[in-house]
Amino acid sequence: MCGPSRHAQQYKGSHSGSRGQSQTPDQSHVEFQGTEVARCAGHRGSLCSSMASPKRLQGLTAATITPMTPDGLDHVIIHVGALNLPEAKELAKHAAVIGASGIAAIAPFFFKPTNKDTLVAFLREVASEAPGIPFYYYHIPSLTGVKIRVEELLDGIKEKIPTFQGVKFSDTDLLDFAQCVKNNKEQFVLLYGVDEHLLSALAMGASGAVGSTYNYLGKKNNLMLEAFAKQDLVLAQQHQFCTGEFLSFVFKLGFGVAQTKAIMSFTSRIPMGPPRLPLLSASVDFIEKAKAKMDSLMV
């Protein structure tokens, strides 16, 4: 499912993990999963754990964008959000220089913005460093604690941030999301980020999706999109239930960023490396059980 082109009716992007600089994506895996957009350095790539060394992250994103773009993915969006503004601005400027299709930023979450105006002011400063490429807001209140409603945020934002293109909405508040669609679908790209609820968001009118499961269940999710486009709700539900069944299984085992990296490693055969402390690597037991469950769903 595809990437942040204003002309794309629906698209699906995947998070790239925090790969070492010498690693390049396996194009056959990208093609198999049907992913057309990469979103680099998001939270599954330990986004804010990477920020202590922006030069290293710059090298990572440059290494990612170079092999991915020419023949495979339609777009590469680089997440540049950080806890301090100068770092975020530096990363935004660098993303533009290396040819990113767009940039995205999360809200700062140590000292949090407490109202819309404060959040917009922060995002405007970040976006201003890359004035020639689209800017996306990454809304994930479960991690940031920033619960400013996106419906409120979008009202008038284009006047403050001319490059503002859309939102990755990683929250289960479908009322807020529905109001965003109702009032802004013609103007902004509205991407849903809770993979196990994607079908509900599509019914609300989502432009598409960005999520981590599309790295390893992308084919199933593309089948769901195709079924939904054909108005075959029963088949679309079956494919959505597949994603839900896998996630429900791994949630019971203990599932997070470290476990996602392990799954991406065995499905893509690209070593993703260990997570950064305080996260610990997935156990051998988890990997064996997750792989067996994945294999059972691929029939």
C-alpha atoms as a PDB file:
ATOM      1  CA  MET A   1       0.000   0.000   0.000  1.00  0.00           C
ATOM      2  CA  CYS A   2       1.679   3.172  -0.904  1.00  0.00           C
ATOM      3  CA  GLY A   3       3.201   6.464   0.170  1.00  0.00           C
ATOM      4  CA  PRO A   4       2.512  10.079   0.776  1.00  0.00           C
ATOM      5  CA  SER A   5       1.606  11.212  -2.677  1.00  0.00           C
ATOM      6  CA  ARG A   6      -1.355  13.543  -2.578  1.00  0.00           C
ATOM      7  CA  HIS A   7      -2.572  11.703  -5.685  1.00  0.00           C
ATOM      8  CA  ALA A   8      -2.477   8.229  -4.139  1.00  0.00           C
ATOM      9  CA  GLN A   9      -5.911   7.015  -3.173  1.00  0.00           C
ATOM     10  CA  GLN A  10      -4.560   4.630  -0.564  1.00  0.00           C
ATOM     11  CA  TYR A  11      -1.069   3.725   0.508  1.00  0.00           C
ATOM     12  CA  LYS A  12       0.805   1.726   3.009  1.00  0.00           C
ATOM     13  CA  GLY A  13       4.168   2.567   4.436  1.00  0.00           C
ATOM     14  CA  SER A  14       6.409   0.565   6.696  1.00  0.00           C
ATOM     15  CA  HIS A  15       8.738   1.612   9.455  1.00  0.00           C
ATOM     16  CA  SER A  16      12.349   0.854   8.729  1.00  0.00           C
ATOM     17  CA  GLY A  17      14.190  -0.545  11.704  1.00  0.00           C
ATOM     18  CA  SER A  18      17.391   0.924  13.091  1.00  0.00           C
ATOM     19  CA  ARG A  19      19.696  -0.901  10.703  1.00  0.00           C
ATOM     20  CA  GLY A  20      23.453  -0.547  10.789  1.00  0.00           C
ATOM     21  CA  GLN A  21      24.839   1.717   8.105  1.00  0.00           C
ATOM     22  CA  SER A  22      26.352  -1.140   6.131  1.00  0.00           C
ATOM     23  CA  GLN A  23      22.983  -2.880   5.736  1.00  0.00           C
ATOM     24  CA  THR A  24      20.796  -2.274   2.716  1.00  0.00           C
ATOM     25  CA  PRO A  25      17.177  -3.401   2.402  1.00  0.00           C
ATOM     26  CA  ASP A  26      16.450  -6.654   0.628  1.00  0.00           C
ATOM     27  CA  GLN A  27      14.488  -5.419  -2.378  1.00  0.00           C
ATOM     28  CA  SER A  28      12.843  -8.812  -2.885  1.00  0.00           C
ATOM     29  CA  HIS A  29      11.421  -8.620   0.649  1.00  0.00           C
ATOM     30  CA  VAL A  30      10.079  -5.109   0.021  1.00  0.00           C
ATOM     31  CA  GLU A  31       8.450  -6.262  -3.210  1.00  0.00           C
ATOM     32  CA  PHE A  32       7.000  -9.387  -1.563  1.00  0.00           C
ATOM     33  CA  GLN A  33       5.374  -7.378   1.211  1.00  0.00           C
ATOM     34  CA  GLY A  34       3.994  -4.867  -1.308  1.00  0.00           C
ATOM     35  CA  THR A  35       5.351  -1.839   0.533  1.00  0.00           C
ATOM     36  CA  GLU A  36       5.786   1.304  -1.513  1.00  0.00           C
ATOM     37  CA  VAL A  37       6.918   3.755   1.159  1.00  0.00           C
ATOM     38  CA  ALA A  38       9.598   3.576   3.830  1.00  0.00           C
ATOM     39  CA  ARG A  39       9.313   5.683   6.931  1.00  0.00           C
ATOM     40  CA  CYS A  40      12.735   5.818   8.569  1.00  0.00           C
ATOM     41  CA  ALA A  41      13.695   6.342  12.210  1.00  0.00           C
ATOM     42  CA  GLY A  42      10.219   6.028  13.669  1.00  0.00           C
ATOM     43  CA  HIS A  43       9.497   4.620  17.106  1.00  0.00           C
ATOM     44  CA  ARG A  44      10.075   1.012  15.982  1.00  0.00           C
ATOM     45  CA  GLY A  45      13.527   2.223  14.978  1.00  0.00           C
ATOM     46  CA  SER A  46      14.060   3.559  18.527  1.00  0.00           C
ATOM     47  CA  LEU A  47      13.642   7.116  17.298  1.00  0.00           C
ATOM     48  CA  CYS A  48      14.489   9.133  20.377  1.00  0.00           C
ATOM     49  CA  SER A  49      17.094   6.639  21.565  1.00  0.00           C
ATOM     50  CA  SER A  50      18.997   7.517  18.391  1.00  0.00           C
ATOM     51  CA  MET A  51      18.981  11.235  18.911  1.00  0.00           C
ATOM     52  CA  ALA A  52      22.083  11.555  21.079  1.00  0.00           C
ATOM     53  CA  SER A  53      24.134  11.297  17.898  1.00  0.00           C
ATOM     54  CA  PRO A  54      22.382  13.107  15.037  1.00  0.00           C
ATOM     55  CA  LYS A  55      25.377  12.599  12.758  1.00  0.00           C
ATOM     56  CA  ARG A  56      25.027   8.832  13.097  1.00  0.00           C
ATOM     57  CA  LEU A  57      21.300   9.033  12.419  1.00  0.00           C
ATOM     58  CA  GLN A  58      22.016  11.192   9.371  1.00  0.00           C
ATOM     59  CA  GLY A  59      24.307   8.467   8.079  1.00  0.00           C
ATOM     60  CA  LEU A  60      21.635   5.836   8.738  1.00  0.00           C
ATOM     61  CA  THR A  61      18.932   7.696   6.851  1.00  0.00           C
ATOM     62  CA  ALA A  62      21.277   8.510   3.977  1.00  0.00           C
ATOM     63  CA  ALA A  63      22.224   4.842   3.709  1.00  0.00           C
ATOM     64  CA  THR A  64      18.557   3.883   3.775  1.00  0.00           C
ATOM     65  CA  ILE A  65      17.331   6.324   1.173  1.00  0.00           C
ATOM     66  CA  THR A  66      20.072   5.626  -1.364  1.00  0.00           C
ATOM     67  CA  PRO A  67      19.324   1.962  -2.170  1.00  0.00           C
ATOM     68  CA  MET A  68      15.579   2.141  -1.596  1.00  0.00           C
ATOM     69  CA  THR A  69      14.480   4.903  -3.880  1.00  0.00           C
ATOM     70  CA  PRO A  70      15.584   4.300  -7.523  1.00  0.00           C
ATOM     71  CA  ASP A  71      13.767   1.093  -8.425  1.00  0.00           C
ATOM     72  CA  GLY A  72      11.611   0.114  -5.491  1.00  0.00           C
ATOM     73  CA  LEU A  73       9.804   2.379  -3.068  1.00  0.00           C
ATOM     74  CA  ASP A  74       7.822   5.358  -4.284  1.00  0.00           C
ATOM     75  CA  HIS A  75       8.669   7.515  -1.285  1.00  0.00           C
ATOM     76  CA  VAL A  76      11.003   7.668   1.704  1.00  0.00           C
ATOM     77  CA  ILE A  77       9.792   9.758   4.648  1.00  0.00           C
ATOM     78  CA  ILE A  78      12.308  10.440   7.400  1.00  0.00           C
ATOM     79  CA  HIS A  79      11.240  10.978  10.977  1.00  0.00           C
ATOM     80  CA  VAL A  80      13.157  13.926  12.412  1.00  0.00           C
ATOM     81  CA  GLY A  81      11.357  14.547  15.690  1.00  0.00           C
ATOM     82  CA  ALA A  82      13.514  14.929  18.793  1.00  0.00           C
ATOM     83  CA  LEU A  83      13.241  16.052  22.392  1.00  0.00           C
ATOM     84  CA  ASN A  84      15.194  19.222  21.684  1.00  0.00           C
ATOM     85  CA  LEU A  85      14.399  21.610  18.880  1.00  0.00           C
ATOM     86  CA  PRO A  86      17.913  22.265  17.473  1.00  0.00           C
ATOM     87  CA  GLU A  87      18.445  18.536  16.957  1.00  0.00           C
ATOM     88  CA  ALA A  88      15.104  18.126  15.188  1.00  0.00           C
ATOM     89  CA  LYS A  89      15.862  21.105  12.936  1.00  0.00           C
ATOM     90  CA  GLU A  90      19.291  19.721  12.055  1.00  0.00           C
ATOM     91  CA  LEU A  91      17.791  16.373  11.096  1.00  0.00           C
ATOM     92  CA  ALA A  92      15.054  18.038   9.051  1.00  0.00           C
ATOM     93  CA  LYS A  93      17.575  20.075   7.106  1.00  0.00           C
ATOM     94  CA  HIS A  94      19.688  16.990   6.441  1.00  0.00           C
ATOM     95  CA  ALA A  95      16.676  14.966   5.261  1.00  0.00           C
ATOM     96  CA  ALA A  96      15.922  17.626   2.665  1.00  0.00           C
ATOM     97  CA  VAL A  97      19.534  17.692   1.487  1.00  0.00           C
ATOM     98  CA  ILE A  98      19.706  13.938   0.847  1.00  0.00           C
ATOM     99  CA  GLY A  99      16.465  13.923  -1.134  1.00  0.00           C
ATOM    100  CA  ALA A 100      13.815  12.613   1.241  1.00  0.00           C
ATOM    101  CA  SER A 101      10.260  12.629  -0.098  1.00  0.00           C
ATOM    102  CA  GLY A 102       9.037  14.138   3.143  1.00  0.00           C
ATOM    103  CA  ILE A 103       9.711  14.492   6.855  1.00  0.00           C
ATOM    104  CA  ALA A 104       7.672  13.703   9.951  1.00  0.00           C
ATOM    105  CA  ALA A 105       7.957  14.774  13.577  1.00  0.00           C
ATOM    106  CA  ILE A 106       6.597  13.567  16.857  1.00  0.00           C
ATOM    107  CA  ALA A 107       5.665  15.998  19.643  1.00  0.00           C
ATOM    108  CA  PRO A 108       8.372  16.562  22.273  1.00  0.00           C
ATOM    109  CA  PHE A 109       7.429  14.572  25.347  1.00  0.00           C
ATOM    110  CA  PHE A 110       9.693  15.463  28.263  1.00  0.00           C
ATOM    111  CA  PHE A 111       8.581  19.072  28.449  1.00  0.00           C
ATOM    112  CA  LYS A 112       5.284  18.636  26.666  1.00  0.00           C
ATOM    113  CA  PRO A 113       3.326  21.194  24.654  1.00  0.00           C
ATOM    114  CA  THR A 114       0.165  21.846  26.624  1.00  0.00           C
ATOM    115  CA  ASN A 115      -1.985  23.403  23.920  1.00  0.00           C
ATOM    116  CA  LYS A 116      -2.385  23.578  20.165  1.00  0.00           C
ATOM    117  CA  ASP A 117      -0.510  26.847  19.697  1.00  0.00           C
ATOM    118  CA  THR A 118       2.595  25.570  21.493  1.00  0.00           C
ATOM    119  CA  LEU A 119       2.631  22.346  19.502  1.00  0.00           C
ATOM    120  CA  VAL A 120       2.159  24.160  16.188  1.00  0.00           C
ATOM    121  CA  ALA A 121       4.999  26.551  17.066  1.00  0.00           C
ATOM    122  CA  PHE A 122       7.353  23.603  17.662  1.00  0.00           C
ATOM    123  CA  LEU A 123       6.320  21.797  14.481  1.00  0.00           C
ATOM    124  CA  ARG A 124       6.599  25.003  12.450  1.00  0.00           C
ATOM    125  CA  GLU A 125      10.222  25.456  13.523  1.00  0.00           C
ATOM    126  CA  VAL A 126      11.072  21.894  12.469  1.00  0.00           C
ATOM    127  CA  ALA A 127       9.280  22.124   9.134  1.00  0.00           C
ATOM    128  CA  SER A 128      10.950  25.439   8.311  1.00  0.00           C
ATOM    129  CA  GLU A 129      14.301  23.691   7.886  1.00  0.00           C
ATOM    130  CA  ALA A 130      12.933  21.667   4.940  1.00  0.00           C
ATOM    131  CA  PRO A 131      10.698  24.167   3.128  1.00  0.00           C
ATOM    132  CA  GLY A 132      10.680  22.272  -0.158  1.00  0.00           C
ATOM    133  CA  ILE A 133       9.279  18.928   1.006  1.00  0.00           C
ATOM    134  CA  PRO A 134       6.043  17.775   2.702  1.00  0.00           C
ATOM    135  CA  PHE A 135       5.788  17.721   6.484  1.00  0.00           C
ATOM    136  CA  TYR A 136       3.747  15.212   8.524  1.00  0.00           C
ATOM    137  CA  TYR A 137       2.806  15.212  12.197  1.00  0.00           C
ATOM    138  CA  TYR A 138       3.212  11.887  14.016  1.00  0.00           C
ATOM    139  CA  HIS A 139       0.412  11.634  16.591  1.00  0.00           C
ATOM    140  CA  ILE A 140       1.033   8.880  19.127  1.00  0.00           C
ATOM    141  CA  PRO A 141      -0.312  10.023  22.519  1.00  0.00           C
ATOM    142  CA  SER A 142       0.171   6.630  24.180  1.00  0.00           C
ATOM    143  CA  LEU A 143       3.924   7.252  24.043  1.00  0.00           C
ATOM    144  CA  THR A 144       4.190  11.039  24.142  1.00  0.00           C
ATOM    145  CA  GLY A 145       1.409  11.832  26.582  1.00  0.00           C
ATOM    146  CA  VAL A 146       0.519  14.759  24.285  1.00  0.00           C
ATOM    147  CA  LYS A 147      -3.237  14.428  23.916  1.00  0.00           C
ATOM    148  CA  ILE A 148      -4.046  17.520  21.879  1.00  0.00           C
ATOM    149  CA  ARG A 149      -6.826  16.447  19.540  1.00  0.00           C
ATOM    150  CA  VAL A 150      -5.760  16.218  15.925  1.00  0.00           C
ATOM    151  CA  GLU A 151      -9.068  17.688  14.788  1.00  0.00           C
ATOM    152  CA  GLU A 152      -8.146  20.835  16.710  1.00  0.00           C
ATOM    153  CA  LEU A 153      -4.532  20.789  15.504  1.00  0.00           C
ATOM    154  CA  LEU A 154      -5.477  20.669  11.822  1.00  0.00           C
ATOM    155  CA  ASP A 155      -7.765  23.685  12.013  1.00  0.00           C
ATOM    156  CA  GLY A 156      -5.795  26.483  10.345  1.00  0.00           C
ATOM    157  CA  ILE A 157      -2.443  24.673  10.427  1.00  0.00           C
ATOM    158  CA  LYS A 158      -1.729  25.211   6.732  1.00  0.00           C
ATOM    159  CA  GLU A 159      -1.551  28.949   7.374  1.00  0.00           C
ATOM    160  CA  LYS A 160       1.181  28.372   9.970  1.00  0.00           C
ATOM    161  CA  ILE A 161       3.020  25.499   8.229  1.00  0.00           C
ATOM    162  CA  PRO A 162       2.671  25.818   4.428  1.00  0.00           C
ATOM    163  CA  THR A 163       4.352  22.440   3.812  1.00  0.00           C
ATOM    164  CA  PHE A 164       2.012  20.580   6.161  1.00  0.00           C
ATOM    165  CA  GLN A 165       0.780  17.516   4.289  1.00  0.00           C
ATOM    166  CA  GLY A 166      -0.877  15.229   6.775  1.00  0.00           C
ATOM    167  CA  VAL A 167      -0.844  13.103   9.908  1.00  0.00           C
ATOM    168  CA  LYS A 168       0.166   9.663  10.980  1.00  0.00           C
ATOM    169  CA  PHE A 169      -2.625   9.011  13.480  1.00  0.00           C
ATOM    170  CA  SER A 170      -1.462   6.300  15.921  1.00  0.00           C
ATOM    171  CA  ASP A 171      -4.333   6.355  18.376  1.00  0.00           C
ATOM    172  CA  THR A 172      -7.533   4.405  18.858  1.00  0.00           C
ATOM    173  CA  ASP A 173      -9.706   7.527  19.198  1.00  0.00           C
ATOM    174  CA  LEU A 174     -11.755   6.975  16.060  1.00  0.00           C
ATOM    175  CA  LEU A 175     -14.040   9.880  16.921  1.00  0.00           C
ATOM    176  CA  ASP A 176     -11.114  12.292  16.627  1.00  0.00           C
ATOM    177  CA  PHE A 177      -9.923  10.523  13.480  1.00  0.00           C
ATOM    178  CA  ALA A 178     -13.387  10.604  11.907  1.00  0.00           C
ATOM    179  CA  GLN A 179     -13.660  14.343  12.504  1.00  0.00           C
ATOM    180  CA  CYS A 180     -10.257  14.801  10.866  1.00  0.00           C
ATOM    181  CA  VAL A 181     -11.497  12.907   7.812  1.00  0.00           C
ATOM    182  CA  LYS A 182     -14.825  14.735   7.721  1.00  0.00           C
ATOM    183  CA  ASN A 183     -13.227  18.168   7.830  1.00  0.00           C
ATOM    184  CA  ASN A 184      -9.875  17.675   6.105  1.00  0.00           C
ATOM    185  CA  LYS A 185      -9.758  14.672   3.768  1.00  0.00           C
ATOM    186  CA  GLU A 186      -9.593  16.803   0.630  1.00  0.00           C
ATOM    187  CA  GLN A 187      -6.728  18.857   2.031  1.00  0.00           C
ATOM    188  CA  PHE A 188      -4.533  16.445   3.987  1.00  0.00           C
ATOM    189  CA  VAL A 189      -3.261  12.862   3.851  1.00  0.00           C
ATOM    190  CA  LEU A 190      -4.662  11.054   6.886  1.00  0.00           C
ATOM    191  CA  LEU A 191      -2.719   7.886   7.643  1.00  0.00           C
ATOM    192  CA  TYR A 192      -3.764   5.429  10.294  1.00  0.00           C
ATOM    193  CA  GLY A 193      -1.101   3.886  12.497  1.00  0.00           C
ATOM    194  CA  VAL A 194      -2.800   1.233  14.657  1.00  0.00           C
ATOM    195  CA  ASP A 195      -2.394  -1.751  12.372  1.00  0.00           C
ATOM    196  CA  GLU A 196      -4.884  -4.057  14.072  1.00  0.00           C
ATOM    197  CA  HIS A 197      -7.625  -1.386  13.664  1.00  0.00           C
ATOM    198  CA  LEU A 198      -6.879  -0.429  10.064  1.00  0.00           C
ATOM    199  CA  LEU A 199     -10.104  -1.786   8.604  1.00  0.00           C
ATOM    200  CA  SER A 200     -12.116   0.406  10.986  1.00  0.00           C
ATOM    201  CA  ALA A 201     -10.072   3.422   9.942  1.00  0.00           C
ATOM    202  CA  LEU A 202     -10.598   2.616   6.262  1.00  0.00           C
ATOM    203  CA  ALA A 203     -14.331   2.606   6.891  1.00  0.00           C
ATOM    204  CA  MET A 204     -13.905   6.070   8.389  1.00  0.00           C
ATOM    205  CA  GLY A 205     -12.088   7.221   5.246  1.00  0.00           C
ATOM    206  CA  ALA A 206      -8.379   6.871   6.004  1.00  0.00           C
ATOM    207  CA  SER A 207      -6.056   7.783   3.126  1.00  0.00           C
ATOM    208  CA  GLY A 208      -3.874   4.788   3.955  1.00  0.00           C
ATOM    209  CA  ALA A 209      -1.629   3.439   6.669  1.00  0.00           C
ATOM    210  CA  VAL A 210       1.860   3.458   8.122  1.00  0.00           C
ATOM    211  CA  GLY A 211       2.807   0.733  10.552  1.00  0.00           C
ATOM    212  CA  SER A 212       5.333  -1.836  11.650  1.00  0.00           C
ATOM    213  CA  THR A 213       3.366  -4.984  10.742  1.00  0.00           C
ATOM    214  CA  TYR A 214       3.572  -4.043   7.055  1.00  0.00           C
ATOM    215  CA  ASN A 215       7.222  -5.055   7.243  1.00  0.00           C
ATOM    216  CA  TYR A 216       6.186  -8.668   7.760  1.00  0.00           C
ATOM    217  CA  LEU A 217       2.416  -8.897   7.144  1.00  0.00           C
ATOM    218  CA  GLY A 218       2.339  -6.452   4.266  1.00  0.00           C
ATOM    219  CA  LYS A 219       1.010  -8.973   1.786  1.00  0.00           C
ATOM    220  CA  LYS A 220      -1.952  -9.840   4.024  1.00  0.00           C
ATOM    221  CA  ASN A 221      -2.720  -6.180   4.553  1.00  0.00           C
ATOM    222  CA  ASN A 222      -2.585  -5.464   0.825  1.00  0.00           C
ATOM    223  CA  LEU A 223      -5.102  -8.257   0.313  1.00  0.00           C
ATOM    224  CA  MET A 224      -7.304  -6.555   2.887  1.00  0.00           C
ATOM    225  CA  LEU A 225      -7.044  -3.250   1.028  1.00  0.00           C
ATOM    226  CA  GLU A 226      -7.942  -4.948  -2.234  1.00  0.00           C
ATOM    227  CA  ALA A 227     -10.965  -6.624  -0.657  1.00  0.00           C
ATOM    228  CA  PHE A 228     -12.093  -3.364   0.912  1.00  0.00           C
ATOM    229  CA  ALA A 229     -11.760  -1.562  -2.426  1.00  0.00           C
ATOM    230  CA  LYS A 230     -13.998  -4.230  -3.970  1.00  0.00           C
ATOM    231  CA  GLN A 231     -16.498  -3.783  -1.112  1.00  0.00           C
ATOM    232  CA  ASP A 232     -15.967  -7.393   0.001  1.00  0.00           C
ATOM    233  CA  LEU A 233     -16.175  -6.688   3.715  1.00  0.00           C
ATOM    234  CA  VAL A 234     -16.210 -10.348   4.744  1.00  0.00           C
ATOM    235  CA  LEU A 235     -12.896 -11.036   2.989  1.00  0.00           C
ATOM    236  CA  ALA A 236     -11.420  -7.775   4.267  1.00  0.00           C
ATOM    237  CA  GLN A 237     -12.351  -8.815   7.809  1.00  0.00           C
ATOM    238  CA  GLN A 238     -10.645 -12.176   7.358  1.00  0.00           C
ATOM    239  CA  HIS A 239      -7.375 -10.468   6.428  1.00  0.00           C
ATOM    240  CA  GLN A 240      -7.711  -7.961   9.277  1.00  0.00           C
ATOM    241  CA  PHE A 241      -8.360 -10.834  11.685  1.00  0.00           C
ATOM    242  CA  CYS A 242      -5.103 -12.410  10.503  1.00  0.00           C
ATOM    243  CA  THR A 243      -3.123  -9.374  11.644  1.00  0.00           C
ATOM    244  CA  GLY A 244      -5.115  -9.293  14.866  1.00  0.00           C
ATOM    245  CA  GLU A 245      -4.515 -12.988  15.535  1.00  0.00           C
ATOM    246  CA  PHE A 246      -0.757 -12.590  15.180  1.00  0.00           C
ATOM    247  CA  LEU A 247      -0.586  -9.470  17.340  1.00  0.00           C
ATOM    248  CA  SER A 248      -2.844 -10.960  19.989  1.00  0.00           C
ATOM    249  CA  PHE A 249      -0.520 -13.972  20.131  1.00  0.00           C
ATOM    250  CA  VAL A 250       2.706 -11.985  20.480  1.00  0.00           C
ATOM    251  CA  PHE A 251       1.177  -9.470  22.924  1.00  0.00           C
ATOM    252  CA  LYS A 252       0.644 -12.379  25.316  1.00  0.00           C
ATOM    253  CA  LEU A 253       4.318 -13.313  24.975  1.00  0.00           C
ATOM    254  CA  GLY A 254       5.462  -9.751  25.610  1.00  0.00           C
ATOM    255  CA  PHE A 255       5.736  -7.560  22.536  1.00  0.00           C
ATOM    256  CA  GLY A 256       7.453  -4.263  21.839  1.00  0.00           C
ATOM    257  CA  VAL A 257      10.193  -2.622  19.794  1.00  0.00           C
ATOM    258  CA  ALA A 258      12.778  -5.329  20.558  1.00  0.00           C
ATOM    259  CA  GLN A 259      10.417  -8.108  19.511  1.00  0.00           C
ATOM    260  CA  THR A 260       9.458  -6.226  16.344  1.00  0.00           C
ATOM    261  CA  LYS A 261      13.125  -6.024  15.372  1.00  0.00           C
ATOM    262  CA  ALA A 262      13.472  -9.778  15.892  1.00  0.00           C
ATOM    263  CA  ILE A 263      10.432 -10.501  13.701  1.00  0.00           C
ATOM    264  CA  MET A 264      11.702  -8.190  10.979  1.00  0.00           C
ATOM    265  CA  SER A 265      15.080  -9.929  11.118  1.00  0.00           C
ATOM    266  CA  PHE A 266      13.736 -13.431  10.556  1.00  0.00           C
ATOM    267  CA  THR A 267      11.169 -12.433   7.942  1.00  0.00           C
ATOM    268  CA  SER A 268      13.464 -10.217   5.873  1.00  0.00           C
ATOM    269  CA  ARG A 269      16.717 -12.065   6.623  1.00  0.00           C
ATOM    270  CA  ILE A 270      18.316  -8.673   7.274  1.00  0.00           C
ATOM    271  CA  PRO A 271      19.944  -8.535  10.739  1.00  0.00           C
ATOM    272  CA  MET A 272      18.368  -5.562  12.505  1.00  0.00           C
ATOM    273  CA  GLY A 273      20.733  -5.639  15.433  1.00  0.00           C
ATOM    274  CA  PRO A 274      19.862  -5.435  19.133  1.00  0.00           C
ATOM    275  CA  PRO A 275      17.645  -2.742  20.633  1.00  0.00           C
ATOM    276  CA  ARG A 276      19.119   0.081  22.668  1.00  0.00           C
ATOM    277  CA  LEU A 277      19.011  -0.068  26.451  1.00  0.00           C
ATOM    278  CA  PRO A 278      16.850  -0.015  28.490  1.00  0.00           C
ATOM    279  CA  LEU A 279      15.158  -2.368  25.986  1.00  0.00           C
ATOM    280  CA  LEU A 280      16.414  -5.949  25.958  1.00  0.00           C
ATOM    281  CA  SER A 281      16.673  -8.308  22.994  1.00  0.00           C
ATOM    282  CA  ALA A 282      13.842 -10.712  22.280  1.00  0.00           C
ATOM    283  CA  SER A 283      14.320 -14.145  23.813  1.00  0.00           C
ATOM    284  CA  VAL A 284      14.981 -17.257  21.754  1.00  0.00           C
ATOM    285  CA  ASP A 285      11.679 -18.623  23.060  1.00  0.00           C
ATOM    286  CA  PHE A 286       9.813 -15.573  21.727  1.00  0.00           C
ATOM    287  CA  ILE A 287      11.491 -15.796  18.330  1.00  0.00           C
ATOM    288  CA  GLU A 288      10.717 -19.496  17.939  1.00  0.00           C
ATOM    289  CA  LYS A 289       7.057 -19.090  18.924  1.00  0.00           C
ATOM    290  CA  ALA A 290       6.539 -15.946  16.826  1.00  0.00           C
ATOM    291  CA  LYS A 291       8.109 -17.593  13.781  1.00  0.00           C
ATOM    292  CA  ALA A 292       5.913 -20.677  14.159  1.00  0.00           C
ATOM    293  CA  LYS A 293       2.816 -18.505  14.462  1.00  0.00           C
ATOM    294  CA  MET A 294       3.835 -16.435  11.438  1.00  0.00           C
ATOM    295  CA  ASP A 295       4.373 -19.603   9.392  1.00  0.00           C
ATOM    296  CA  SER A 296       0.931 -20.883  10.375  1.00  0.00           C
ATOM    297  CA  LEU A 297      -0.686 -17.675   9.065  1.00  0.00           C
ATOM    298  CA  MET A 298       1.077 -17.698   5.723  1.00  0.00           C
ATOM    299  CA  VAL A 299      -0.840 -20.671   4.321  1.00  0.00           C
END
